[in-house]
Amino acid sequence: MKKVLLLMLGLSLFLVGCDDDDSPSEPTTSSLSLNISGLEDLGSSAMYEGWIMVDGAPKTTGTFSVDANGNLSETSFTINSDDLNSATAFILTIEPNPDPSPNPSDVHIIAGDFSGSSASLSVGHGAALGDDFSTSAGKYILATPTNGADTDENSGIWFLDLSSGSPSVGLTLPTLPAGWKYEGWTVINGMPVTSGTFTSVSSIDEADPFSGTEAGPPFPGEDYLNNAPTGLSFPTDLSGGTAVISIEPDPDNSPNPFTLKPLVKMIPSNAVDHVTYTLDQNLGSFPTGTATK
């Protein structure tokens, strides 16, 4: 009897040992670290989300926000080790909050390929905006063609080139990918006021809320004649203000210019209407950083 009991005990221990060996192990995790500068606060209706490309498919690394000083709410993210080891690229997107989709939005802001354990992130990567905007350039004039009279001419801005005597394209900008649009702005008494969003530099922009009733030229621009925002009065004089071309997320959750402003220039304090002025590059406004696994 004693031998039988010992045999049964040995058999049970063997079976338990087999069960332990066959039980699935917990997946291991690793940390992904982000060091990014130049991002801005998106407010409560949008958030940033990171993604790694694994076998050609995006996998989320988590979401975070950015405060008014550009500080990320999270800089370290716990990821499945196998996925992180296999990751070939990192992409940062802007997502709605709450987000109805588990997939990345079209609004890819910076990205980079992993070389070893690190990826250098920029807007120029093909999975982001796809261009470094180093060839961007712009010209503009002050004029108010939509009021049908030669009055208040310094109250309108049009992004065109009049130096040849005839209106021609004034902006040299790369074609944007899905999820982005250009927007013109004039900073008037410290307040940025839109001149409209656009995707083509040789067509009218998508809105003219302040213009008069006459047709404007076939280029982005605006006459600030009507419906002045609170705190301003139209017509006005744009001299001493600032002309800006920004790159905006689409859809855009903010009425203010986004952090990407490739072209900026103060309008001369003695600006004369129908004279062509030049915008300056402002590529230092673009976010950059690294992702480290």
Protein backbone atom coordinates (compact mmCIF):
# COMPACT_ATOMS: atom_id res chain seq x y z
CA MET A 1 0.00 0.00 0.00
CA LYS A 2 2.83 2.33 0.85
CA LYS A 3 4.38 1.74 -2.54
CA VAL A 4 1.09 2.50 -4.26
CA LEU A 5 0.73 5.81 -2.41
CA LEU A 6 4.28 6.82 -3.26
CA LEU A 7 3.67 5.94 -6.91
CA MET A 8 0.48 8.03 -7.01
CA LEU A 9 2.23 10.98 -5.35
CA GLY A 10 5.07 10.85 -7.86
CA LEU A 11 2.63 10.70 -10.76
CA SER A 12 0.69 13.75 -9.48
CA LEU A 13 3.88 15.76 -9.08
CA PHE A 14 4.89 14.82 -12.61
CA LEU A 15 1.54 15.95 -14.01
CA VAL A 16 1.70 19.25 -12.09
CA GLY A 17 5.19 19.82 -13.43
CA CYS A 18 3.99 19.19 -16.97
CA ASP A 19 1.10 21.64 -16.52
CA ASP A 20 3.51 24.34 -15.30
CA ASP A 21 5.83 23.82 -18.25
CA ASP A 22 2.99 24.09 -20.75
CA SER A 23 1.33 27.20 -19.27
CA PRO A 24 1.73 30.32 -21.43
CA SER A 25 4.21 32.89 -20.16
CA GLU A 26 3.33 36.54 -19.73
CA PRO A 27 4.52 38.73 -22.66
CA THR A 28 7.54 40.83 -21.83
CA THR A 29 7.45 44.60 -22.15
CA SER A 30 9.96 47.34 -22.86
CA SER A 31 9.95 51.12 -22.72
CA LEU A 32 9.76 53.58 -25.59
CA SER A 33 11.07 57.05 -24.69
CA LEU A 34 10.21 60.30 -26.47
CA ASN A 35 12.21 63.51 -26.43
CA ILE A 36 10.31 66.03 -28.57
CA SER A 37 10.36 69.83 -28.68
CA GLY A 38 8.19 72.27 -30.60
CA LEU A 39 4.79 70.70 -29.98
CA GLU A 40 1.92 72.86 -28.78
CA ASP A 41 -1.06 72.49 -26.47
CA LEU A 42 -3.97 71.04 -28.47
CA GLY A 43 -6.61 71.79 -25.86
CA SER A 44 -9.13 69.25 -24.60
CA SER A 45 -10.61 68.18 -27.95
CA ALA A 46 -7.45 66.66 -29.46
CA MET A 47 -4.43 64.67 -28.34
CA TYR A 48 -1.13 63.37 -29.65
CA GLU A 49 -0.73 59.64 -30.27
CA GLY A 50 2.41 57.70 -31.05
CA TRP A 51 2.61 54.68 -33.38
CA ILE A 52 5.29 52.16 -34.26
CA MET A 53 5.35 50.38 -37.59
CA VAL A 54 5.54 46.61 -37.08
CA ASP A 55 5.50 44.34 -40.14
CA GLY A 56 4.05 47.22 -42.15
CA ALA A 57 1.17 47.91 -39.77
CA PRO A 58 0.80 50.71 -37.18
CA LYS A 59 0.55 49.82 -33.50
CA THR A 60 -0.25 52.48 -30.94
CA THR A 61 2.30 53.39 -28.29
CA GLY A 62 -0.10 55.58 -26.32
CA THR A 63 -1.47 59.10 -26.15
CA PHE A 64 -0.25 62.23 -24.43
CA SER A 65 -0.94 65.94 -24.17
CA VAL A 66 1.35 68.97 -24.20
CA ASP A 67 1.11 71.94 -21.84
CA ALA A 68 1.49 75.64 -22.63
CA ASN A 69 5.27 75.36 -22.19
CA GLY A 70 5.59 72.49 -24.65
CA ASN A 71 6.12 69.80 -21.99
CA LEU A 72 4.80 66.31 -22.77
CA SER A 73 2.46 64.78 -20.18
CA GLU A 74 4.14 61.39 -20.79
CA THR A 75 7.59 60.66 -22.20
CA SER A 76 7.93 56.91 -21.49
CA PHE A 77 5.54 54.25 -22.79
CA THR A 78 5.39 50.52 -22.01
CA ILE A 79 5.28 48.43 -25.21
CA ASN A 80 5.28 44.73 -26.02
CA SER A 81 8.98 43.84 -26.34
CA ASP A 82 8.59 41.80 -29.53
CA ASP A 83 6.68 44.65 -31.22
CA LEU A 84 9.18 47.25 -30.10
CA ASN A 85 12.16 45.18 -31.19
CA SER A 86 10.54 44.71 -34.61
CA ALA A 87 9.53 48.37 -35.03
CA THR A 88 10.97 50.02 -38.14
CA ALA A 89 9.57 53.55 -37.68
CA PHE A 90 7.82 55.87 -35.24
CA ILE A 91 4.98 58.20 -36.28
CA LEU A 92 3.27 60.90 -34.24
CA THR A 93 -0.31 61.83 -35.13
CA ILE A 94 -2.95 64.24 -33.88
CA GLU A 95 -6.18 62.50 -32.90
CA PRO A 96 -9.62 63.74 -31.86
CA ASN A 97 -10.51 63.41 -28.18
CA PRO A 98 -12.52 61.27 -27.67
CA ASP A 99 -11.23 59.20 -30.58
CA PRO A 100 -13.85 57.07 -32.38
CA SER A 101 -11.25 55.07 -34.35
CA PRO A 102 -8.48 52.68 -33.27
CA ASN A 103 -6.52 53.60 -36.39
CA PRO A 104 -4.17 56.54 -36.97
CA SER A 105 -5.71 59.76 -38.30
CA ASP A 106 -4.43 61.39 -41.51
CA VAL A 107 -2.77 64.12 -39.43
CA HIS A 108 0.81 62.83 -39.22
CA ILE A 109 3.03 65.57 -37.81
CA ILE A 110 6.51 64.03 -37.33
CA ALA A 111 8.04 60.63 -38.02
CA GLY A 112 11.35 58.83 -38.31
CA ASP A 113 12.94 55.46 -39.13
CA PHE A 114 14.69 53.51 -36.40
CA SER A 115 18.44 53.19 -36.85
CA GLY A 116 19.51 50.84 -34.11
CA SER A 117 17.56 51.88 -31.03
CA SER A 118 16.84 55.49 -32.02
CA ALA A 119 14.67 57.32 -34.57
CA SER A 120 15.24 60.97 -35.47
CA LEU A 121 11.82 62.62 -35.87
CA SER A 122 10.96 65.42 -38.31
CA VAL A 123 8.13 66.80 -40.44
CA GLY A 124 10.16 65.96 -43.55
CA HIS A 125 9.83 62.19 -43.16
CA GLY A 126 7.68 60.51 -45.80
CA ALA A 127 5.23 59.27 -43.17
CA ALA A 128 4.71 62.84 -41.86
CA LEU A 129 4.36 65.95 -44.04
CA GLY A 130 7.01 64.59 -46.39
CA ASP A 131 8.93 67.85 -46.97
CA ASP A 132 11.32 70.01 -44.95
CA PHE A 133 9.90 73.21 -46.54
CA SER A 134 13.41 74.51 -47.24
CA THR A 135 12.25 75.71 -50.68
CA SER A 136 9.20 77.57 -49.35
CA ALA A 137 8.96 81.25 -50.31
CA GLY A 138 6.28 83.88 -50.49
CA LYS A 139 5.25 87.33 -51.65
CA TYR A 140 2.20 89.46 -50.94
CA ILE A 141 0.62 92.85 -51.60
CA LEU A 142 -1.77 95.06 -49.68
CA ALA A 143 -4.95 95.89 -51.60
CA THR A 144 -8.73 95.70 -51.26
CA PRO A 145 -10.08 94.58 -54.66
CA THR A 146 -13.40 93.33 -53.24
CA ASN A 147 -14.77 96.77 -52.30
CA GLY A 148 -14.84 97.92 -55.91
CA ALA A 149 -13.18 101.24 -55.13
CA ASP A 150 -9.68 102.57 -54.63
CA THR A 151 -10.20 103.07 -50.90
CA ASP A 152 -8.91 101.46 -47.71
CA GLU A 153 -6.23 99.72 -49.80
CA ASN A 154 -4.05 98.89 -46.80
CA SER A 155 -6.89 96.87 -45.27
CA GLY A 156 -6.43 93.76 -47.42
CA ILE A 157 -3.66 91.22 -48.03
CA TRP A 158 -3.24 89.02 -51.10
CA PHE A 159 -0.55 86.39 -51.47
CA LEU A 160 0.46 87.19 -55.01
CA ASP A 161 3.37 88.75 -56.89
CA LEU A 162 2.76 92.04 -58.69
CA SER A 163 6.39 92.88 -59.45
CA SER A 164 5.98 92.15 -63.18
CA GLY A 165 2.99 94.47 -63.43
CA SER A 166 0.49 91.61 -63.65
CA PRO A 167 -0.72 89.41 -60.78
CA SER A 168 1.07 86.06 -60.61
CA VAL A 169 1.54 83.27 -58.08
CA GLY A 170 3.18 84.62 -54.94
CA LEU A 171 3.68 81.46 -52.88
CA THR A 172 6.13 78.60 -53.43
CA LEU A 173 4.93 75.77 -51.18
CA PRO A 174 4.97 71.97 -51.47
CA THR A 175 1.74 70.05 -51.93
CA LEU A 176 0.49 68.89 -48.54
CA PRO A 177 -0.58 65.30 -47.78
CA ALA A 178 -4.08 64.43 -46.59
CA GLY A 179 -4.78 65.81 -43.12
CA TRP A 180 -3.24 69.24 -43.67
CA LYS A 181 -4.07 72.63 -45.22
CA TYR A 182 -2.32 75.96 -45.52
CA GLU A 183 -3.82 79.05 -43.93
CA GLY A 184 -3.00 82.72 -44.36
CA TRP A 185 -3.04 85.11 -41.40
CA THR A 186 -2.53 88.75 -40.59
CA VAL A 187 -1.67 89.70 -37.02
CA ILE A 188 -3.61 92.92 -36.43
CA ASN A 189 -2.99 94.78 -33.15
CA GLY A 190 -1.63 91.55 -31.70
CA MET A 191 -4.61 89.43 -32.80
CA PRO A 192 -4.17 86.78 -35.55
CA VAL A 193 -6.99 87.00 -38.10
CA THR A 194 -7.35 84.40 -40.82
CA SER A 195 -7.26 85.21 -44.51
CA GLY A 196 -8.52 81.70 -45.35
CA THR A 197 -7.37 78.09 -45.73
CA PHE A 198 -6.14 76.77 -49.06
CA THR A 199 -4.41 73.86 -50.77
CA SER A 200 -3.61 75.59 -54.08
CA VAL A 201 -1.42 78.70 -54.36
CA SER A 202 -3.02 79.63 -57.68
CA SER A 203 -6.68 79.64 -56.64
CA ILE A 204 -8.90 81.57 -54.27
CA ASP A 205 -8.92 80.25 -50.73
CA GLU A 206 -11.84 78.54 -49.01
CA ALA A 207 -13.47 81.47 -47.18
CA ASP A 208 -13.88 85.25 -47.36
CA PRO A 209 -15.80 86.24 -44.21
CA PHE A 210 -14.40 89.78 -44.11
CA SER A 211 -14.27 90.72 -47.80
CA GLY A 212 -16.55 92.95 -49.83
CA THR A 213 -18.97 91.94 -52.55
CA GLU A 214 -16.70 92.22 -55.58
CA ALA A 215 -14.60 89.31 -56.86
CA GLY A 216 -11.01 89.08 -55.69
CA PRO A 217 -8.02 87.82 -57.67
CA PRO A 218 -7.54 84.03 -58.11
CA PHE A 219 -5.04 83.73 -55.26
CA PRO A 220 -5.26 83.25 -51.48
CA GLY A 221 -6.02 86.47 -49.62
CA GLU A 222 -8.60 88.57 -47.81
CA ASP A 223 -9.95 92.10 -47.57
CA TYR A 224 -10.58 93.04 -43.94
CA LEU A 225 -13.62 95.24 -44.56
CA ASN A 226 -16.58 93.68 -42.73
CA ASN A 227 -17.49 91.54 -39.70
CA ALA A 228 -14.48 92.48 -37.60
CA PRO A 229 -13.72 90.12 -34.70
CA THR A 230 -14.37 91.45 -31.21
CA GLY A 231 -11.64 93.91 -30.25
CA LEU A 232 -10.94 95.05 -33.83
CA SER A 233 -12.62 97.42 -36.26
CA PHE A 234 -12.64 97.15 -40.05
CA PRO A 235 -11.54 98.69 -42.39
CA THR A 236 -8.09 98.90 -40.84
CA ASP A 237 -4.47 99.52 -41.77
CA LEU A 238 -2.31 96.38 -41.83
CA SER A 239 0.93 98.37 -41.75
CA GLY A 240 3.07 97.26 -38.81
CA GLY A 241 1.20 93.96 -38.49
CA THR A 242 2.56 90.53 -39.42
CA ALA A 243 1.82 88.32 -42.42
CA VAL A 244 1.88 84.56 -41.76
CA ILE A 245 1.43 81.35 -43.71
CA SER A 246 0.75 78.38 -41.42
CA ILE A 247 0.17 74.66 -41.92
CA GLU A 248 -3.00 73.57 -40.15
CA PRO A 249 -4.38 70.15 -39.16
CA ASP A 250 -7.50 69.17 -41.07
CA PRO A 251 -9.85 68.97 -39.25
CA ASP A 252 -8.65 71.89 -37.14
CA ASN A 253 -9.82 72.24 -33.55
CA SER A 254 -8.38 75.74 -32.96
CA PRO A 255 -9.17 79.22 -34.34
CA ASN A 256 -5.52 80.24 -33.89
CA PRO A 257 -2.45 79.54 -36.05
CA PHE A 258 -0.88 76.11 -35.55
CA THR A 259 2.76 75.74 -34.53
CA LEU A 260 3.88 75.07 -38.14
CA LYS A 261 4.50 78.50 -39.69
CA PRO A 262 6.89 78.16 -42.65
CA LEU A 263 6.55 81.81 -43.78
CA VAL A 264 6.36 84.90 -41.57
CA LYS A 265 7.22 88.58 -42.02
CA MET A 266 6.35 91.86 -40.36
CA ILE A 267 4.47 94.18 -42.69
CA PRO A 268 6.45 97.44 -43.05
CA SER A 269 5.13 100.28 -40.92
CA ASN A 270 5.16 102.45 -44.03
CA ALA A 271 3.70 99.80 -46.33
CA VAL A 272 2.28 101.03 -49.65
CA ASP A 273 -0.59 99.28 -51.39
CA HIS A 274 0.03 97.32 -54.61
CA VAL A 275 3.74 96.97 -53.81
CA THR A 276 5.13 93.43 -53.65
CA TYR A 277 6.64 92.46 -50.28
CA THR A 278 8.53 89.27 -49.39
CA LEU A 279 7.89 86.73 -46.63
CA ASP A 280 10.74 85.11 -44.68
CA GLN A 281 11.22 81.42 -43.92
CA ASN A 282 10.43 80.42 -40.34
CA LEU A 283 11.40 76.74 -40.23
CA GLY A 284 12.53 76.97 -36.61
CA SER A 285 8.87 76.66 -35.64
CA PHE A 286 8.79 72.99 -36.72
CA PRO A 287 8.87 70.26 -34.03
CA THR A 288 11.77 67.79 -33.89
CA GLY A 289 12.84 65.01 -31.56
CA THR A 290 13.85 61.41 -31.04
CA ALA A 291 12.14 58.15 -30.19
CA THR A 292 14.33 55.62 -28.35
CA LYS A 293 13.58 51.93 -27.78
